[in-house]
Every structure is written in structure tokens, then in C-alpha cells.
Amino acid sequence: MKLSDRIKPISYLKAHAPEVIQGLREGQEPFIITVNGEAKAVLQDIDSYEQTQETLALLKILAMGEREIEAGEGLPVDEAFAEIRANLKI
């Protein structure tokens, strides 16, 4: 389905909320809700939202690691694994 088919005014959501929610549960793409012709909100199912949040958290962790490496704060792989092995033996 085209994205343009998923853009609906708030009045559509008010009039068709049960159908919209059911469609989201069944795996349809998110709805873009407009107010006065301007996109204001995205409506998506909870599973997609949770997956998006988990993906963002992983990307933040990767970005932090990359910044640490660029700042010279990282350890070479062999040293890191040696440290992990030493901590596991304790």
C-alpha cells in the first residue's frame, strides 16, 4: 500500500477508530494523522513501536561505542577478551 493511502485526517480516526486499530493489529502500515491538513502524529501498533524503540537503543549503544573508539578509550579485542576471561574466573 502506498504511503499516501495511509495519510488520514483526525476526523477519519475518530469515525473509524475500531477499524484502524484492528488493521494495525493485523500488521498494516502505520497511519499518519493530519490536523488542519498538516501531519501531526503517527499511529502504529505496539509491537512495531517496541521494535523501533529497541532498534533505537541498539543504535545509541553503537554510536557510544564508536565515539569511545574515536576518543581512544577502547581496548584491543585480545585485551578485552583477556579481561573478560579473568573476571569470569573470579
N, C-alpha and C. Protein backbone atom coordinates (compact mmCIF):
# COMPACT_ATOMS: atom_id res chain seq x y z
N MET A 1 0.83 -1.17 0.00
CA MET A 1 0.00 0.00 0.00
C MET A 1 0.89 1.25 0.00
N LYS A 2 0.48 2.24 -0.75
CA LYS A 2 1.24 3.48 -0.83
C LYS A 2 1.10 4.29 0.45
N LEU A 3 2.16 5.03 0.78
CA LEU A 3 2.13 5.87 1.97
C LEU A 3 0.99 6.88 1.89
N SER A 4 0.73 7.41 0.71
CA SER A 4 -0.34 8.40 0.57
C SER A 4 -1.71 7.84 0.94
N ASP A 5 -1.89 6.53 0.84
CA ASP A 5 -3.15 5.89 1.25
C ASP A 5 -3.27 5.81 2.76
N ARG A 6 -2.17 5.99 3.47
CA ARG A 6 -2.16 5.85 4.93
C ARG A 6 -2.26 7.21 5.64
N ILE A 7 -2.35 8.29 4.90
CA ILE A 7 -2.48 9.62 5.48
C ILE A 7 -3.96 9.94 5.61
N LYS A 8 -4.39 10.17 6.85
CA LYS A 8 -5.81 10.40 7.11
C LYS A 8 -5.99 11.57 8.08
N PRO A 9 -7.09 12.32 7.93
CA PRO A 9 -7.36 13.39 8.89
C PRO A 9 -7.82 12.81 10.23
N ILE A 10 -7.71 13.63 11.25
CA ILE A 10 -8.11 13.19 12.59
C ILE A 10 -9.58 12.78 12.61
N SER A 11 -10.40 13.41 11.80
CA SER A 11 -11.83 13.06 11.75
C SER A 11 -12.02 11.62 11.27
N TYR A 12 -11.17 11.15 10.36
CA TYR A 12 -11.25 9.77 9.91
C TYR A 12 -10.96 8.82 11.07
N LEU A 13 -9.94 9.15 11.85
CA LEU A 13 -9.59 8.31 13.00
C LEU A 13 -10.74 8.28 14.00
N LYS A 14 -11.34 9.44 14.26
CA LYS A 14 -12.46 9.49 15.21
C LYS A 14 -13.62 8.63 14.73
N ALA A 15 -13.89 8.66 13.44
CA ALA A 15 -15.05 7.93 12.89
C ALA A 15 -14.78 6.45 12.69
N HIS A 16 -13.52 6.06 12.52
CA HIS A 16 -13.19 4.67 12.18
C HIS A 16 -12.16 4.04 13.12
N ALA A 17 -12.11 4.49 14.36
CA ALA A 17 -11.09 4.02 15.30
C ALA A 17 -11.03 2.50 15.43
N PRO A 18 -12.15 1.80 15.60
CA PRO A 18 -12.05 0.34 15.75
C PRO A 18 -11.43 -0.34 14.53
N GLU A 19 -11.80 0.10 13.33
CA GLU A 19 -11.25 -0.50 12.12
C GLU A 19 -9.76 -0.19 11.97
N VAL A 20 -9.39 1.04 12.33
CA VAL A 20 -7.97 1.44 12.23
C VAL A 20 -7.13 0.59 13.19
N ILE A 21 -7.59 0.46 14.43
CA ILE A 21 -6.85 -0.33 15.42
C ILE A 21 -6.76 -1.78 15.00
N GLN A 22 -7.86 -2.33 14.51
CA GLN A 22 -7.84 -3.72 14.04
C GLN A 22 -6.84 -3.89 12.90
N GLY A 23 -6.83 -2.96 11.97
CA GLY A 23 -5.88 -3.02 10.86
C GLY A 23 -4.44 -2.96 11.33
N LEU A 24 -4.17 -2.14 12.33
CA LEU A 24 -2.82 -2.06 12.88
C LEU A 24 -2.43 -3.38 13.53
N ARG A 25 -3.37 -3.98 14.26
CA ARG A 25 -3.09 -5.28 14.89
C ARG A 25 -2.78 -6.35 13.87
N GLU A 26 -3.39 -6.24 12.71
CA GLU A 26 -3.20 -7.25 11.66
C GLU A 26 -1.97 -6.98 10.82
N GLY A 27 -1.17 -6.01 11.22
CA GLY A 27 0.11 -5.80 10.56
C GLY A 27 0.13 -4.75 9.47
N GLN A 28 -0.92 -3.94 9.39
CA GLN A 28 -0.88 -2.88 8.39
C GLN A 28 0.16 -1.84 8.76
N GLU A 29 0.54 -1.07 7.78
CA GLU A 29 1.50 0.00 7.99
C GLU A 29 0.90 1.08 8.90
N PRO A 30 1.75 1.90 9.52
CA PRO A 30 1.26 2.98 10.39
C PRO A 30 0.40 3.99 9.63
N PHE A 31 -0.46 4.67 10.36
CA PHE A 31 -1.26 5.76 9.82
C PHE A 31 -0.59 7.07 10.17
N ILE A 32 -0.64 8.02 9.26
CA ILE A 32 -0.19 9.37 9.52
C ILE A 32 -1.45 10.20 9.68
N ILE A 33 -1.59 10.83 10.84
CA ILE A 33 -2.79 11.59 11.16
C ILE A 33 -2.52 13.07 10.94
N THR A 34 -3.45 13.71 10.24
CA THR A 34 -3.30 15.14 9.97
C THR A 34 -4.31 15.95 10.77
N VAL A 35 -3.90 17.17 11.10
CA VAL A 35 -4.78 18.14 11.74
C VAL A 35 -4.68 19.40 10.91
N ASN A 36 -5.81 19.85 10.40
CA ASN A 36 -5.85 21.02 9.52
C ASN A 36 -4.91 20.84 8.32
N GLY A 37 -4.87 19.62 7.79
CA GLY A 37 -4.08 19.34 6.60
C GLY A 37 -2.59 19.16 6.84
N GLU A 38 -2.15 19.23 8.07
CA GLU A 38 -0.73 19.12 8.40
C GLU A 38 -0.48 17.84 9.20
N ALA A 39 0.52 17.06 8.81
CA ALA A 39 0.85 15.82 9.52
C ALA A 39 1.26 16.15 10.95
N LYS A 40 0.59 15.51 11.91
CA LYS A 40 0.85 15.80 13.32
C LYS A 40 1.20 14.57 14.15
N ALA A 41 0.81 13.38 13.70
CA ALA A 41 1.03 12.19 14.52
C ALA A 41 1.13 10.95 13.64
N VAL A 42 1.78 9.93 14.19
CA VAL A 42 1.85 8.62 13.54
C VAL A 42 1.24 7.61 14.49
N LEU A 43 0.34 6.80 13.97
CA LEU A 43 -0.33 5.78 14.76
C LEU A 43 0.15 4.43 14.27
N GLN A 44 0.78 3.65 15.18
CA GLN A 44 1.28 2.34 14.81
C GLN A 44 0.98 1.34 15.93
N ASP A 45 1.07 0.05 15.60
CA ASP A 45 0.78 -0.97 16.60
C ASP A 45 1.91 -1.04 17.62
N ILE A 46 1.60 -1.59 18.78
CA ILE A 46 2.55 -1.62 19.89
C ILE A 46 3.79 -2.46 19.58
N ASP A 47 3.63 -3.56 18.86
CA ASP A 47 4.79 -4.40 18.53
C ASP A 47 5.79 -3.65 17.67
N SER A 48 5.29 -2.92 16.67
CA SER A 48 6.17 -2.13 15.81
C SER A 48 6.85 -1.03 16.61
N TYR A 49 6.09 -0.41 17.51
CA TYR A 49 6.66 0.65 18.35
C TYR A 49 7.79 0.11 19.22
N GLU A 50 7.54 -1.03 19.87
CA GLU A 50 8.58 -1.63 20.72
C GLU A 50 9.81 -2.00 19.91
N GLN A 51 9.61 -2.54 18.73
CA GLN A 51 10.74 -2.90 17.88
C GLN A 51 11.53 -1.65 17.49
N THR A 52 10.83 -0.59 17.19
CA THR A 52 11.50 0.67 16.84
C THR A 52 12.33 1.19 18.02
N GLN A 53 11.75 1.13 19.23
CA GLN A 53 12.46 1.60 20.42
C GLN A 53 13.70 0.75 20.70
N GLU A 54 13.59 -0.56 20.54
CA GLU A 54 14.75 -1.44 20.75
C GLU A 54 15.84 -1.16 19.72
N THR A 55 15.44 -0.94 18.48
CA THR A 55 16.40 -0.62 17.43
C THR A 55 17.12 0.68 17.73
N LEU A 56 16.37 1.70 18.16
CA LEU A 56 16.99 2.98 18.51
C LEU A 56 17.97 2.83 19.68
N ALA A 57 17.61 2.01 20.67
CA ALA A 57 18.51 1.79 21.81
C ALA A 57 19.80 1.13 21.35
N LEU A 58 19.71 0.15 20.46
CA LEU A 58 20.92 -0.51 19.94
C LEU A 58 21.77 0.46 19.13
N LEU A 59 21.13 1.30 18.34
CA LEU A 59 21.88 2.29 17.56
C LEU A 59 22.59 3.28 18.47
N LYS A 60 21.96 3.67 19.58
CA LYS A 60 22.60 4.57 20.53
C LYS A 60 23.83 3.92 21.16
N ILE A 61 23.71 2.63 21.50
CA ILE A 61 24.84 1.91 22.08
C ILE A 61 25.99 1.84 21.07
N LEU A 62 25.66 1.55 19.82
CA LEU A 62 26.70 1.50 18.78
C LEU A 62 27.37 2.85 18.62
N ALA A 63 26.60 3.92 18.63
CA ALA A 63 27.15 5.26 18.48
C ALA A 63 28.07 5.61 19.66
N MET A 64 27.67 5.22 20.87
CA MET A 64 28.51 5.47 22.04
C MET A 64 29.83 4.72 21.92
N GLY A 65 29.76 3.47 21.49
CA GLY A 65 30.98 2.68 21.32
C GLY A 65 31.89 3.27 20.27
N GLU A 66 31.29 3.76 19.19
CA GLU A 66 32.09 4.37 18.13
C GLU A 66 32.79 5.63 18.63
N ARG A 67 32.08 6.44 19.42
CA ARG A 67 32.69 7.66 19.98
C ARG A 67 33.84 7.30 20.93
N GLU A 68 33.65 6.25 21.73
CA GLU A 68 34.71 5.83 22.65
C GLU A 68 35.94 5.37 21.89
N ILE A 69 35.74 4.64 20.81
CA ILE A 69 36.87 4.18 19.99
C ILE A 69 37.60 5.36 19.38
N GLU A 70 36.83 6.33 18.85
CA GLU A 70 37.44 7.51 18.25
C GLU A 70 38.23 8.33 19.28
N ALA A 71 37.77 8.29 20.55
CA ALA A 71 38.45 9.02 21.61
C ALA A 71 39.61 8.22 22.20
N GLY A 72 39.85 7.02 21.67
CA GLY A 72 40.95 6.21 22.15
C GLY A 72 40.67 5.52 23.48
N GLU A 73 39.40 5.39 23.84
CA GLU A 73 39.04 4.81 25.12
C GLU A 73 38.79 3.30 25.05
N GLY A 74 38.86 2.73 23.88
CA GLY A 74 38.58 1.31 23.72
C GLY A 74 39.80 0.46 24.00
N LEU A 75 39.57 -0.85 24.13
CA LEU A 75 40.65 -1.81 24.30
C LEU A 75 40.77 -2.65 23.04
N PRO A 76 41.97 -3.07 22.71
CA PRO A 76 42.09 -4.04 21.61
C PRO A 76 41.31 -5.31 21.98
N VAL A 77 40.82 -6.01 20.98
CA VAL A 77 39.96 -7.18 21.19
C VAL A 77 40.63 -8.21 22.09
N ASP A 78 41.90 -8.53 21.84
CA ASP A 78 42.56 -9.56 22.65
C ASP A 78 42.64 -9.15 24.12
N GLU A 79 42.88 -7.87 24.39
CA GLU A 79 42.92 -7.39 25.77
C GLU A 79 41.53 -7.44 26.41
N ALA A 80 40.53 -7.06 25.66
CA ALA A 80 39.16 -7.07 26.18
C ALA A 80 38.74 -8.49 26.55
N PHE A 81 39.01 -9.46 25.67
CA PHE A 81 38.63 -10.84 25.97
C PHE A 81 39.44 -11.39 27.13
N ALA A 82 40.70 -11.02 27.23
CA ALA A 82 41.52 -11.47 28.36
C ALA A 82 40.95 -10.94 29.68
N GLU A 83 40.51 -9.68 29.66
CA GLU A 83 39.91 -9.09 30.86
C GLU A 83 38.60 -9.80 31.22
N ILE A 84 37.79 -10.10 30.21
CA ILE A 84 36.53 -10.80 30.46
C ILE A 84 36.80 -12.18 31.04
N ARG A 85 37.76 -12.90 30.45
CA ARG A 85 38.09 -14.25 30.95
C ARG A 85 38.59 -14.20 32.38
N ALA A 86 39.39 -13.17 32.69
CA ALA A 86 39.92 -13.04 34.04
C ALA A 86 38.77 -12.78 35.03
N ASN A 87 37.82 -11.96 34.63
CA ASN A 87 36.68 -11.67 35.51
C ASN A 87 35.78 -12.89 35.70
N LEU A 88 35.68 -13.73 34.70
CA LEU A 88 34.86 -14.94 34.81
C LEU A 88 35.46 -15.97 35.76
N LYS A 89 36.78 -15.97 35.89
CA LYS A 89 37.45 -16.93 36.77
C LYS A 89 37.36 -16.55 38.22
N ILE A 90 37.03 -15.31 38.49
CA ILE A 90 36.96 -14.82 39.89
C ILE A 90 35.78 -15.39 40.61
